[in-house]
Amino acid sequence: MVIASHILSGFQGCILGGAIGDALGYPVEFLSLDEIGDQFGEEGITSFYSFGSHPDGLISDDTQWTLAYAKALLDTRAGLQKNLVGALRRRAVQWYESPENNRAPGNACLDGCENLLEGVSWFEAGSLRAKGSGAVMRVAPFGLVYANQPALLDEITAVSSLGTHRNPTAVAAAVVTARIIAFALQSQDADYFKQSVIDRVLLNLHPHSAALASKLKKVKDLAAIHPKEAFSILGEGWVAEEAIAGALYCVLSTSGFSEAVLRAVNTDGDSDTFGAITGNIAGALYGKDNIPSDWVRIVEKNGELFKVGHKWYNLALYVVRMKASPE
């Protein structure tokens, strides 16, 4: 597929959608579904909510990491002109040292960054035991920019995990998440995406991914089941394979962006990460124009997110041109 101008809506929808899902889920990240119901009513959380000193639309570390990886790609022209691993390292440490790094960051991400500051190689900084959702919440840039370069998508997404998460299941889940986002962008037809995505993204998967494949294969059969029951089978999303399986369920079991992200954040589990990944997938699939304008207007860093989505689009065009050029 050659990237066409109308795909820009999918790029912008993906990054804005991820941030919106993240911001919707952030206030209820550590609440059970019953507690969400007690606080917000039978429908749960349905719009941005300010809590403590945090205003409406505040993003969490999920979107902060996504922006860090996006900037690393932009720093290096998608790794084609400079050392992408070095850029990932610099942007990760920059996130770690930022005063805004106070949004419930995960321990694996913190530990990996501490190792990076001590001089440990990117390829060894992450723990082999780390397979949390942090590995998958931030890979949208790779799914979009390398959508037409599947081998590069797999390789670079896998490498992106290692600085904080080296568990093989986490690495495989990161790759699958990027593949899903790429396929959502390219599908343009929601029914085709929903019918084909699971078989498509499990092809030639990492050899240590049995737990991930098992979770994903359950998703299709659960699409017609009540969310509470489905999540009881798929898990709460605190580990990588549960996070992507739950997010994909939210897209497959709904018919539009808003319905998908609200289903994602009203759970017993990792609401902001479910929301972020679901928002990335649904935003890429349905496009920017199908995201409520009030959410786009209010979400933190909306202007930056809009610009980054456009820059990703231009970067993807550049990657396609460079890879098509003779040596």
C-alpha atoms as a PDB file:
ATOM      1  CA  MET A   1       0.000   0.000   0.000  1.00  0.00           C
ATOM      2  CA  VAL A   2       1.226   3.505  -0.836  1.00  0.00           C
ATOM      3  CA  ILE A   3       0.402   6.020   1.881  1.00  0.00           C
ATOM      4  CA  ALA A   4      -2.305   8.407   0.640  1.00  0.00           C
ATOM      5  CA  SER A   5      -3.207  11.828   2.002  1.00  0.00           C
ATOM      6  CA  HIS A   6      -6.457  10.652   3.621  1.00  0.00           C
ATOM      7  CA  ILE A   7      -4.421   8.358   5.877  1.00  0.00           C
ATOM      8  CA  LEU A   8      -3.340  11.504   7.745  1.00  0.00           C
ATOM      9  CA  SER A   9      -6.635  11.320   9.642  1.00  0.00           C
ATOM     10  CA  GLY A  10      -5.614   7.890  10.937  1.00  0.00           C
ATOM     11  CA  PHE A  11      -2.213   9.160  12.077  1.00  0.00           C
ATOM     12  CA  GLN A  12      -3.732  12.074  13.969  1.00  0.00           C
ATOM     13  CA  GLY A  13      -6.608   9.947  15.219  1.00  0.00           C
ATOM     14  CA  CYS A  14      -4.168   7.407  16.618  1.00  0.00           C
ATOM     15  CA  ILE A  15      -2.081   9.808  18.677  1.00  0.00           C
ATOM     16  CA  LEU A  16      -4.999  11.977  19.796  1.00  0.00           C
ATOM     17  CA  GLY A  17      -7.117   8.908  20.487  1.00  0.00           C
ATOM     18  CA  GLY A  18      -4.427   7.317  22.616  1.00  0.00           C
ATOM     19  CA  ALA A  19      -4.025  10.466  24.697  1.00  0.00           C
ATOM     20  CA  ILE A  20      -7.794  10.824  25.117  1.00  0.00           C
ATOM     21  CA  GLY A  21      -8.217   7.208  26.222  1.00  0.00           C
ATOM     22  CA  ASP A  22      -5.304   7.651  28.602  1.00  0.00           C
ATOM     23  CA  ALA A  23      -6.748  10.862  30.075  1.00  0.00           C
ATOM     24  CA  LEU A  24     -10.219   9.320  30.487  1.00  0.00           C
ATOM     25  CA  GLY A  25      -8.784   6.359  32.370  1.00  0.00           C
ATOM     26  CA  TYR A  26      -6.140   8.121  34.445  1.00  0.00           C
ATOM     27  CA  PRO A  27      -8.489   9.319  37.249  1.00  0.00           C
ATOM     28  CA  VAL A  28      -9.831   5.767  37.768  1.00  0.00           C
ATOM     29  CA  GLU A  29      -6.668   3.757  37.133  1.00  0.00           C
ATOM     30  CA  PHE A  30      -6.623   2.247  40.608  1.00  0.00           C
ATOM     31  CA  LEU A  31     -10.391   1.985  41.185  1.00  0.00           C
ATOM     32  CA  SER A  32     -12.423  -1.192  40.828  1.00  0.00           C
ATOM     33  CA  LEU A  33     -15.424  -1.215  38.506  1.00  0.00           C
ATOM     34  CA  ASP A  34     -17.719  -1.147  41.547  1.00  0.00           C
ATOM     35  CA  GLU A  35     -15.863   1.883  42.911  1.00  0.00           C
ATOM     36  CA  ILE A  36     -16.134   3.613  39.529  1.00  0.00           C
ATOM     37  CA  GLY A  37     -19.882   2.938  39.573  1.00  0.00           C
ATOM     38  CA  ASP A  38     -20.250   4.263  43.108  1.00  0.00           C
ATOM     39  CA  GLN A  39     -18.433   7.482  42.172  1.00  0.00           C
ATOM     40  CA  PHE A  40     -19.742   8.133  38.662  1.00  0.00           C
ATOM     41  CA  GLY A  41     -23.041   6.263  38.431  1.00  0.00           C
ATOM     42  CA  GLU A  42     -24.246   3.252  36.498  1.00  0.00           C
ATOM     43  CA  GLU A  43     -22.577   4.267  33.220  1.00  0.00           C
ATOM     44  CA  GLY A  44     -19.234   4.841  34.915  1.00  0.00           C
ATOM     45  CA  ILE A  45     -16.861   7.536  33.761  1.00  0.00           C
ATOM     46  CA  THR A  46     -18.096   9.088  30.502  1.00  0.00           C
ATOM     47  CA  SER A  47     -16.020  12.255  30.214  1.00  0.00           C
ATOM     48  CA  PHE A  48     -12.849  13.873  31.489  1.00  0.00           C
ATOM     49  CA  TYR A  49     -12.714  14.293  35.232  1.00  0.00           C
ATOM     50  CA  SER A  50     -10.517  16.483  37.419  1.00  0.00           C
ATOM     51  CA  PHE A  51      -9.139  14.842  40.559  1.00  0.00           C
ATOM     52  CA  GLY A  52      -7.020  16.292  43.330  1.00  0.00           C
ATOM     53  CA  SER A  53      -4.883  19.007  41.784  1.00  0.00           C
ATOM     54  CA  HIS A  54      -5.146  17.392  38.332  1.00  0.00           C
ATOM     55  CA  PRO A  55      -7.295  19.217  35.752  1.00  0.00           C
ATOM     56  CA  ASP A  56      -9.615  17.670  33.174  1.00  0.00           C
ATOM     57  CA  GLY A  57      -7.887  15.873  30.308  1.00  0.00           C
ATOM     58  CA  LEU A  58      -4.558  15.246  32.054  1.00  0.00           C
ATOM     59  CA  ILE A  59      -2.457  12.531  30.391  1.00  0.00           C
ATOM     60  CA  SER A  60      -0.476   9.930  32.306  1.00  0.00           C
ATOM     61  CA  ASP A  61       2.949   8.398  31.775  1.00  0.00           C
ATOM     62  CA  ASP A  62       1.452   6.277  28.969  1.00  0.00           C
ATOM     63  CA  THR A  63       1.189   9.233  26.600  1.00  0.00           C
ATOM     64  CA  GLN A  64       4.382  10.791  27.914  1.00  0.00           C
ATOM     65  CA  TRP A  65       6.247   7.647  26.836  1.00  0.00           C
ATOM     66  CA  THR A  66       4.473   7.597  23.476  1.00  0.00           C
ATOM     67  CA  LEU A  67       5.609  11.160  22.830  1.00  0.00           C
ATOM     68  CA  ALA A  68       9.151  10.284  23.931  1.00  0.00           C
ATOM     69  CA  TYR A  69       9.314   7.461  21.398  1.00  0.00           C
ATOM     70  CA  ALA A  70       7.709   9.646  18.731  1.00  0.00           C
ATOM     71  CA  LYS A  71      10.378  12.278  19.272  1.00  0.00           C
ATOM     72  CA  ALA A  72      13.137   9.658  19.071  1.00  0.00           C
ATOM     73  CA  LEU A  73      11.818   8.641  15.659  1.00  0.00           C
ATOM     74  CA  LEU A  74      11.665  12.264  14.550  1.00  0.00           C
ATOM     75  CA  ASP A  75      15.170  12.922  15.932  1.00  0.00           C
ATOM     76  CA  THR A  76      16.618  10.242  13.663  1.00  0.00           C
ATOM     77  CA  ARG A  77      14.309  10.336  10.638  1.00  0.00           C
ATOM     78  CA  ALA A  78      12.976   6.934  11.741  1.00  0.00           C
ATOM     79  CA  GLY A  79      16.469   5.620  12.365  1.00  0.00           C
ATOM     80  CA  LEU A  80      17.551   6.160   8.781  1.00  0.00           C
ATOM     81  CA  GLN A  81      19.952   9.016   9.480  1.00  0.00           C
ATOM     82  CA  LYS A  82      21.125   8.622  13.089  1.00  0.00           C
ATOM     83  CA  ASN A  83      21.348   6.056  15.872  1.00  0.00           C
ATOM     84  CA  LEU A  84      17.740   5.295  16.856  1.00  0.00           C
ATOM     85  CA  VAL A  85      18.754   3.315  19.954  1.00  0.00           C
ATOM     86  CA  GLY A  86      20.746   6.323  21.154  1.00  0.00           C
ATOM     87  CA  ALA A  87      17.744   8.567  20.581  1.00  0.00           C
ATOM     88  CA  LEU A  88      15.430   6.178  22.443  1.00  0.00           C
ATOM     89  CA  ARG A  89      17.885   6.196  25.323  1.00  0.00           C
ATOM     90  CA  ARG A  90      18.111  10.005  25.436  1.00  0.00           C
ATOM     91  CA  ARG A  91      14.348  10.458  25.290  1.00  0.00           C
ATOM     92  CA  ALA A  92      13.750   7.809  27.971  1.00  0.00           C
ATOM     93  CA  VAL A  93      16.206   9.479  30.349  1.00  0.00           C
ATOM     94  CA  GLN A  94      14.695  12.858  29.531  1.00  0.00           C
ATOM     95  CA  TRP A  95      11.284  11.496  30.549  1.00  0.00           C
ATOM     96  CA  TYR A  96      12.765  10.024  33.748  1.00  0.00           C
ATOM     97  CA  GLU A  97      14.349  13.334  34.771  1.00  0.00           C
ATOM     98  CA  SER A  98      11.347  15.496  33.843  1.00  0.00           C
ATOM     99  CA  PRO A  99       9.460  17.247  36.663  1.00  0.00           C
ATOM    100  CA  GLU A 100       6.284  16.006  34.954  1.00  0.00           C
ATOM    101  CA  ASN A 101       7.307  12.409  35.674  1.00  0.00           C
ATOM    102  CA  ASN A 102       4.818  12.249  38.539  1.00  0.00           C
ATOM    103  CA  ARG A 103       1.884  10.519  36.829  1.00  0.00           C
ATOM    104  CA  ALA A 104       1.951   7.054  38.400  1.00  0.00           C
ATOM    105  CA  PRO A 105       4.867   5.692  36.327  1.00  0.00           C
ATOM    106  CA  GLY A 106       5.466   1.940  36.368  1.00  0.00           C
ATOM    107  CA  ASN A 107       8.323   0.401  38.321  1.00  0.00           C
ATOM    108  CA  ALA A 108       9.804  -1.391  35.311  1.00  0.00           C
ATOM    109  CA  CYS A 109      10.062   1.890  33.400  1.00  0.00           C
ATOM    110  CA  LEU A 110      11.666   3.610  36.390  1.00  0.00           C
ATOM    111  CA  ASP A 111      14.100   0.759  37.031  1.00  0.00           C
ATOM    112  CA  GLY A 112      15.121   0.597  33.383  1.00  0.00           C
ATOM    113  CA  CYS A 113      15.797   4.328  33.276  1.00  0.00           C
ATOM    114  CA  GLU A 114      17.861   4.135  36.466  1.00  0.00           C
ATOM    115  CA  ASN A 115      19.974   1.449  34.807  1.00  0.00           C
ATOM    116  CA  LEU A 116      20.362   3.624  31.712  1.00  0.00           C
ATOM    117  CA  LEU A 117      21.577   6.510  33.876  1.00  0.00           C
ATOM    118  CA  GLU A 118      24.159   4.178  35.394  1.00  0.00           C
ATOM    119  CA  GLY A 119      25.498   3.416  31.930  1.00  0.00           C
ATOM    120  CA  VAL A 120      23.890   0.032  31.307  1.00  0.00           C
ATOM    121  CA  SER A 121      23.373  -0.794  27.628  1.00  0.00           C
ATOM    122  CA  TRP A 122      19.872  -0.226  26.212  1.00  0.00           C
ATOM    123  CA  PHE A 123      19.794  -3.908  25.301  1.00  0.00           C
ATOM    124  CA  GLU A 124      20.353  -4.964  28.919  1.00  0.00           C
ATOM    125  CA  ALA A 125      18.752  -2.171  30.957  1.00  0.00           C
ATOM    126  CA  GLY A 126      15.311  -3.756  31.186  1.00  0.00           C
ATOM    127  CA  SER A 127      14.639  -6.673  33.500  1.00  0.00           C
ATOM    128  CA  LEU A 128      14.023 -10.136  32.077  1.00  0.00           C
ATOM    129  CA  ARG A 129      11.178 -10.403  34.603  1.00  0.00           C
ATOM    130  CA  ALA A 130       9.506  -7.189  33.421  1.00  0.00           C
ATOM    131  CA  LYS A 131       6.447  -7.936  31.302  1.00  0.00           C
ATOM    132  CA  GLY A 132       4.124  -5.164  32.427  1.00  0.00           C
ATOM    133  CA  SER A 133       1.826  -3.067  30.269  1.00  0.00           C
ATOM    134  CA  GLY A 134       4.520  -0.405  29.960  1.00  0.00           C
ATOM    135  CA  ALA A 135       5.986  -2.394  27.092  1.00  0.00           C
ATOM    136  CA  VAL A 136       2.871  -1.966  24.937  1.00  0.00           C
ATOM    137  CA  MET A 137       1.395   1.402  25.927  1.00  0.00           C
ATOM    138  CA  ARG A 138       3.926   3.444  23.912  1.00  0.00           C
ATOM    139  CA  VAL A 139       4.465   1.684  20.571  1.00  0.00           C
ATOM    140  CA  ALA A 140       1.941   3.535  18.388  1.00  0.00           C
ATOM    141  CA  PRO A 141       4.709   5.552  16.660  1.00  0.00           C
ATOM    142  CA  PHE A 142       6.270   2.371  15.290  1.00  0.00           C
ATOM    143  CA  GLY A 143       2.970   0.927  14.124  1.00  0.00           C
ATOM    144  CA  LEU A 144       2.213   4.069  12.118  1.00  0.00           C
ATOM    145  CA  VAL A 145       5.614   5.059  10.769  1.00  0.00           C
ATOM    146  CA  TYR A 146       6.599   1.527   9.728  1.00  0.00           C
ATOM    147  CA  ALA A 147       3.123   0.400   8.631  1.00  0.00           C
ATOM    148  CA  ASN A 148       4.440  -0.305   5.137  1.00  0.00           C
ATOM    149  CA  GLN A 149       7.710  -1.838   6.345  1.00  0.00           C
ATOM    150  CA  PRO A 150       6.661  -4.909   8.390  1.00  0.00           C
ATOM    151  CA  ALA A 151      10.171  -6.263   8.941  1.00  0.00           C
ATOM    152  CA  LEU A 152      11.361  -2.900  10.257  1.00  0.00           C
ATOM    153  CA  LEU A 153       8.216  -2.553  12.352  1.00  0.00           C
ATOM    154  CA  ASP A 154       8.893  -5.872  14.086  1.00  0.00           C
ATOM    155  CA  GLU A 155      12.600  -5.290  14.583  1.00  0.00           C
ATOM    156  CA  ILE A 156      12.440  -1.727  15.855  1.00  0.00           C
ATOM    157  CA  THR A 157       9.409  -2.279  18.083  1.00  0.00           C
ATOM    158  CA  ALA A 158      11.126  -5.266  19.688  1.00  0.00           C
ATOM    159  CA  VAL A 159      14.263  -3.210  20.317  1.00  0.00           C
ATOM    160  CA  SER A 160      12.178  -0.380  21.781  1.00  0.00           C
ATOM    161  CA  SER A 161      11.006  -2.674  24.577  1.00  0.00           C
ATOM    162  CA  LEU A 162      14.451  -3.724  25.813  1.00  0.00           C
ATOM    163  CA  GLY A 163      15.396  -0.568  27.692  1.00  0.00           C
ATOM    164  CA  THR A 164      12.723  -1.287  30.303  1.00  0.00           C
ATOM    165  CA  HIS A 165      11.091  -4.664  29.524  1.00  0.00           C
ATOM    166  CA  ARG A 166      13.131  -7.666  28.333  1.00  0.00           C
ATOM    167  CA  ASN A 167      10.675 -10.425  29.127  1.00  0.00           C
ATOM    168  CA  PRO A 168      10.026 -12.287  25.835  1.00  0.00           C
ATOM    169  CA  THR A 169       6.250 -12.082  26.256  1.00  0.00           C
ATOM    170  CA  ALA A 170       6.468  -8.315  26.755  1.00  0.00           C
ATOM    171  CA  VAL A 171       8.620  -7.952  23.641  1.00  0.00           C
ATOM    172  CA  ALA A 172       6.193 -10.067  21.592  1.00  0.00           C
ATOM    173  CA  ALA A 173       3.209  -8.098  22.926  1.00  0.00           C
ATOM    174  CA  ALA A 174       4.860  -4.814  21.954  1.00  0.00           C
ATOM    175  CA  VAL A 175       5.384  -6.107  18.408  1.00  0.00           C
ATOM    176  CA  VAL A 176       1.788  -7.340  18.138  1.00  0.00           C
ATOM    177  CA  THR A 177       0.432  -4.016  19.404  1.00  0.00           C
ATOM    178  CA  ALA A 178       2.371  -2.130  16.731  1.00  0.00           C
ATOM    179  CA  ARG A 179       1.156  -4.623  14.109  1.00  0.00           C
ATOM    180  CA  ILE A 180      -2.461  -4.099  15.186  1.00  0.00           C
ATOM    181  CA  ILE A 181      -2.117  -0.322  14.930  1.00  0.00           C
ATOM    182  CA  ALA A 182      -0.532  -0.632  11.479  1.00  0.00           C
ATOM    183  CA  PHE A 183      -3.335  -2.912  10.306  1.00  0.00           C
ATOM    184  CA  ALA A 184      -5.989  -0.573  11.731  1.00  0.00           C
ATOM    185  CA  LEU A 185      -4.457   2.317   9.803  1.00  0.00           C
ATOM    186  CA  GLN A 186      -4.342   0.345   6.572  1.00  0.00           C
ATOM    187  CA  SER A 187      -7.730  -1.367   6.847  1.00  0.00           C
ATOM    188  CA  GLN A 188      -9.930   1.725   6.589  1.00  0.00           C
ATOM    189  CA  ASP A 189     -12.888  -0.671   6.798  1.00  0.00           C
ATOM    190  CA  ALA A 190     -13.821  -1.511  10.391  1.00  0.00           C
ATOM    191  CA  ASP A 191     -15.610  -4.772   9.551  1.00  0.00           C
ATOM    192  CA  TYR A 192     -12.635  -6.074   7.592  1.00  0.00           C
ATOM    193  CA  PHE A 193     -10.306  -5.122  10.440  1.00  0.00           C
ATOM    194  CA  LYS A 194     -12.436  -6.888  13.034  1.00  0.00           C
ATOM    195  CA  GLN A 195     -12.742 -10.068  10.972  1.00  0.00           C
ATOM    196  CA  SER A 196      -9.062 -10.307  10.039  1.00  0.00           C
ATOM    197  CA  VAL A 197      -6.899  -8.670  12.680  1.00  0.00           C
ATOM    198  CA  ILE A 198      -6.163 -11.563  15.041  1.00  0.00           C
ATOM    199  CA  ASP A 199      -5.107 -14.046  12.358  1.00  0.00           C
ATOM    200  CA  ARG A 200      -3.153 -11.312  10.597  1.00  0.00           C
ATOM    201  CA  VAL A 201      -1.052 -10.126  13.537  1.00  0.00           C
ATOM    202  CA  LEU A 202      -0.185 -13.575  14.899  1.00  0.00           C
ATOM    203  CA  LEU A 203       1.696 -14.623  11.741  1.00  0.00           C
ATOM    204  CA  ASN A 204       5.415 -15.388  12.270  1.00  0.00           C
ATOM    205  CA  LEU A 205       5.295 -14.205  15.851  1.00  0.00           C
ATOM    206  CA  HIS A 206       8.118 -14.260  18.363  1.00  0.00           C
ATOM    207  CA  PRO A 207       8.765 -17.879  19.428  1.00  0.00           C
ATOM    208  CA  HIS A 208       8.251 -17.099  23.124  1.00  0.00           C
ATOM    209  CA  SER A 209       4.727 -15.779  22.744  1.00  0.00           C
ATOM    210  CA  ALA A 210       2.429 -18.691  23.618  1.00  0.00           C
ATOM    211  CA  ALA A 211       0.756 -16.771  26.464  1.00  0.00           C
ATOM    212  CA  LEU A 212       0.128 -13.810  24.189  1.00  0.00           C
ATOM    213  CA  ALA A 213      -1.252 -15.921  21.340  1.00  0.00           C
ATOM    214  CA  SER A 214      -3.525 -17.749  23.763  1.00  0.00           C
ATOM    215  CA  LYS A 215      -4.982 -14.474  25.067  1.00  0.00           C
ATOM    216  CA  LEU A 216      -5.509 -12.985  21.634  1.00  0.00           C
ATOM    217  CA  LYS A 217      -7.210 -16.072  20.259  1.00  0.00           C
ATOM    218  CA  LYS A 218      -9.819 -15.735  22.997  1.00  0.00           C
ATOM    219  CA  VAL A 219     -10.666 -12.158  22.051  1.00  0.00           C
ATOM    220  CA  LYS A 220     -12.681 -12.958  18.935  1.00  0.00           C
ATOM    221  CA  ASP A 221     -14.960 -15.377  20.798  1.00  0.00           C
ATOM    222  CA  LEU A 222     -15.533 -12.836  23.563  1.00  0.00           C
ATOM    223  CA  ALA A 223     -16.598  -9.933  21.346  1.00  0.00           C
ATOM    224  CA  ALA A 224     -20.299 -10.581  21.999  1.00  0.00           C
ATOM    225  CA  ILE A 225     -19.907 -11.181  25.747  1.00  0.00           C
ATOM    226  CA  HIS A 226     -20.614  -8.640  28.512  1.00  0.00           C
ATOM    227  CA  PRO A 227     -17.466  -6.624  29.302  1.00  0.00           C
ATOM    228  CA  LYS A 228     -17.258  -7.678  32.951  1.00  0.00           C
ATOM    229  CA  GLU A 229     -17.235 -11.350  31.961  1.00  0.00           C
ATOM    230  CA  ALA A 230     -14.842 -10.756  29.073  1.00  0.00           C
ATOM    231  CA  PHE A 231     -12.323  -8.927  31.251  1.00  0.00           C
ATOM    232  CA  SER A 232     -12.555 -11.658  33.897  1.00  0.00           C
ATOM    233  CA  ILE A 233     -11.202 -14.006  31.217  1.00  0.00           C
ATOM    234  CA  LEU A 234      -8.736 -11.650  29.530  1.00  0.00           C
ATOM    235  CA  GLY A 235      -7.331 -10.126  32.716  1.00  0.00           C
ATOM    236  CA  GLU A 236      -6.956  -6.661  34.216  1.00  0.00           C
ATOM    237  CA  GLY A 237      -4.225  -5.421  31.899  1.00  0.00           C
ATOM    238  CA  TRP A 238      -1.344  -5.024  34.335  1.00  0.00           C
ATOM    239  CA  VAL A 239       0.823  -7.341  32.211  1.00  0.00           C
ATOM    240  CA  ALA A 240       1.573  -6.902  28.531  1.00  0.00           C
ATOM    241  CA  GLU A 241      -0.460  -9.723  26.993  1.00  0.00           C
ATOM    242  CA  GLU A 242      -3.542  -8.785  29.021  1.00  0.00           C
ATOM    243  CA  ALA A 243      -3.228  -5.105  28.111  1.00  0.00           C
ATOM    244  CA  ILE A 244      -3.277  -5.649  24.348  1.00  0.00           C
ATOM    245  CA  ALA A 245      -5.908  -8.421  24.512  1.00  0.00           C
ATOM    246  CA  GLY A 246      -8.238  -6.244  26.588  1.00  0.00           C
ATOM    247  CA  ALA A 247      -7.746  -3.210  24.373  1.00  0.00           C
ATOM    248  CA  LEU A 248      -8.391  -5.207  21.220  1.00  0.00           C
ATOM    249  CA  TYR A 249     -11.543  -6.655  22.788  1.00  0.00           C
ATOM    250  CA  CYS A 250     -12.792  -3.104  23.375  1.00  0.00           C
ATOM    251  CA  VAL A 251     -12.391  -2.288  19.683  1.00  0.00           C
ATOM    252  CA  LEU A 252     -13.842  -5.560  18.381  1.00  0.00           C
ATOM    253  CA  SER A 253     -16.886  -5.454  20.677  1.00  0.00           C
ATOM    254  CA  THR A 254     -17.936  -1.875  19.876  1.00  0.00           C
ATOM    255  CA  SER A 255     -18.871   0.154  16.821  1.00  0.00           C
ATOM    256  CA  GLY A 256     -17.059   3.467  17.203  1.00  0.00           C
ATOM    257  CA  PHE A 257     -14.272   5.397  18.899  1.00  0.00           C
ATOM    258  CA  SER A 258     -16.178   6.768  21.896  1.00  0.00           C
ATOM    259  CA  GLU A 259     -17.835   3.461  22.743  1.00  0.00           C
ATOM    260  CA  ALA A 260     -14.498   1.640  22.527  1.00  0.00           C
ATOM    261  CA  VAL A 261     -12.512   3.936  24.829  1.00  0.00           C
ATOM    262  CA  LEU A 262     -15.296   4.224  27.395  1.00  0.00           C
ATOM    263  CA  ARG A 263     -15.523   0.449  27.545  1.00  0.00           C
ATOM    264  CA  ALA A 264     -11.761   0.337  28.023  1.00  0.00           C
ATOM    265  CA  VAL A 265     -11.596   2.736  30.961  1.00  0.00           C
ATOM    266  CA  ASN A 266     -14.584   1.360  32.876  1.00  0.00           C
ATOM    267  CA  THR A 267     -12.878  -1.796  34.141  1.00  0.00           C
ATOM    268  CA  ASP A 268     -11.430  -3.329  37.284  1.00  0.00           C
ATOM    269  CA  GLY A 269      -8.000  -3.122  35.720  1.00  0.00           C
ATOM    270  CA  ASP A 270      -5.408  -0.746  34.297  1.00  0.00           C
ATOM    271  CA  SER A 271      -7.885   1.833  33.023  1.00  0.00           C
ATOM    272  CA  ASP A 272      -5.486   4.413  31.603  1.00  0.00           C
ATOM    273  CA  THR A 273      -3.423   1.852  29.701  1.00  0.00           C
ATOM    274  CA  PHE A 274      -6.496   0.061  28.385  1.00  0.00           C
ATOM    275  CA  GLY A 275      -7.789   3.485  27.340  1.00  0.00           C
ATOM    276  CA  ALA A 276      -4.513   4.553  25.732  1.00  0.00           C
ATOM    277  CA  ILE A 277      -4.037   1.408  23.637  1.00  0.00           C
ATOM    278  CA  THR A 278      -7.716   1.208  22.698  1.00  0.00           C
ATOM    279  CA  GLY A 279      -7.613   4.878  21.728  1.00  0.00           C
ATOM    280  CA  ASN A 280      -4.544   4.310  19.550  1.00  0.00           C
ATOM    281  CA  ILE A 281      -6.180   1.410  17.703  1.00  0.00           C
ATOM    282  CA  ALA A 282      -9.643   2.969  17.395  1.00  0.00           C
ATOM    283  CA  GLY A 283      -8.177   6.342  16.440  1.00  0.00           C
ATOM    284  CA  ALA A 284      -6.134   4.766  13.648  1.00  0.00           C
ATOM    285  CA  LEU A 285      -9.144   2.748  12.490  1.00  0.00           C
ATOM    286  CA  TYR A 286     -11.883   5.404  12.611  1.00  0.00           C
ATOM    287  CA  GLY A 287      -9.783   8.533  12.079  1.00  0.00           C
ATOM    288  CA  LYS A 288      -9.553  11.900  13.764  1.00  0.00           C
ATOM    289  CA  ASP A 289     -12.921  13.145  12.536  1.00  0.00           C
ATOM    290  CA  ASN A 290     -14.750  10.420  14.479  1.00  0.00           C
ATOM    291  CA  ILE A 291     -13.305  11.533  17.818  1.00  0.00           C
ATOM    292  CA  PRO A 292     -15.551  13.947  19.799  1.00  0.00           C
ATOM    293  CA  SER A 293     -14.288  17.479  19.253  1.00  0.00           C
ATOM    294  CA  ASP A 294     -14.739  18.388  22.932  1.00  0.00           C
ATOM    295  CA  TRP A 295     -12.330  15.633  23.922  1.00  0.00           C
ATOM    296  CA  VAL A 296      -9.799  16.796  21.333  1.00  0.00           C
ATOM    297  CA  ARG A 297     -10.134  20.378  22.575  1.00  0.00           C
ATOM    298  CA  ILE A 298      -9.627  19.542  26.248  1.00  0.00           C
ATOM    299  CA  VAL A 299      -6.996  16.789  26.282  1.00  0.00           C
ATOM    300  CA  GLU A 300      -3.609  17.950  27.554  1.00  0.00           C
ATOM    301  CA  LYS A 301      -0.971  18.755  24.910  1.00  0.00           C
ATOM    302  CA  ASN A 302      -3.575  18.629  22.143  1.00  0.00           C
ATOM    303  CA  GLY A 303      -1.660  21.080  19.967  1.00  0.00           C
ATOM    304  CA  GLU A 304       1.566  19.121  20.281  1.00  0.00           C
ATOM    305  CA  LEU A 305      -0.252  15.847  19.638  1.00  0.00           C
ATOM    306  CA  PHE A 306      -1.839  17.255  16.490  1.00  0.00           C
ATOM    307  CA  LYS A 307       1.535  18.394  15.167  1.00  0.00           C
ATOM    308  CA  VAL A 308       3.235  15.125  16.035  1.00  0.00           C
ATOM    309  CA  GLY A 309       0.550  13.160  14.197  1.00  0.00           C
ATOM    310  CA  HIS A 310       1.226  15.234  11.077  1.00  0.00           C
ATOM    311  CA  LYS A 311       4.983  14.809  11.483  1.00  0.00           C
ATOM    312  CA  TRP A 312       4.580  11.030  11.813  1.00  0.00           C
ATOM    313  CA  TYR A 313       2.666  11.034   8.562  1.00  0.00           C
ATOM    314  CA  ASN A 314       5.430  12.932   6.774  1.00  0.00           C
ATOM    315  CA  LEU A 315       8.019  10.653   8.345  1.00  0.00           C
ATOM    316  CA  ALA A 316       6.188   7.564   7.086  1.00  0.00           C
ATOM    317  CA  LEU A 317       6.228   9.025   3.570  1.00  0.00           C
ATOM    318  CA  TYR A 318       9.970   9.581   3.945  1.00  0.00           C
ATOM    319  CA  VAL A 319      10.537   5.996   5.087  1.00  0.00           C
ATOM    320  CA  VAL A 320       8.631   4.632   2.096  1.00  0.00           C
ATOM    321  CA  ARG A 321      10.609   6.825  -0.318  1.00  0.00           C
ATOM    322  CA  MET A 322      13.976   5.942   1.220  1.00  0.00           C
ATOM    323  CA  LYS A 323      13.270   2.209   1.242  1.00  0.00           C
ATOM    324  CA  ALA A 324      12.128   2.376  -2.387  1.00  0.00           C
ATOM    325  CA  SER A 325      15.294   4.177  -3.495  1.00  0.00           C
ATOM    326  CA  PRO A 326      18.111   2.154  -5.118  1.00  0.00           C
ATOM    327  CA  GLU A 327      21.195   1.570  -2.979  1.00  0.00           C
END
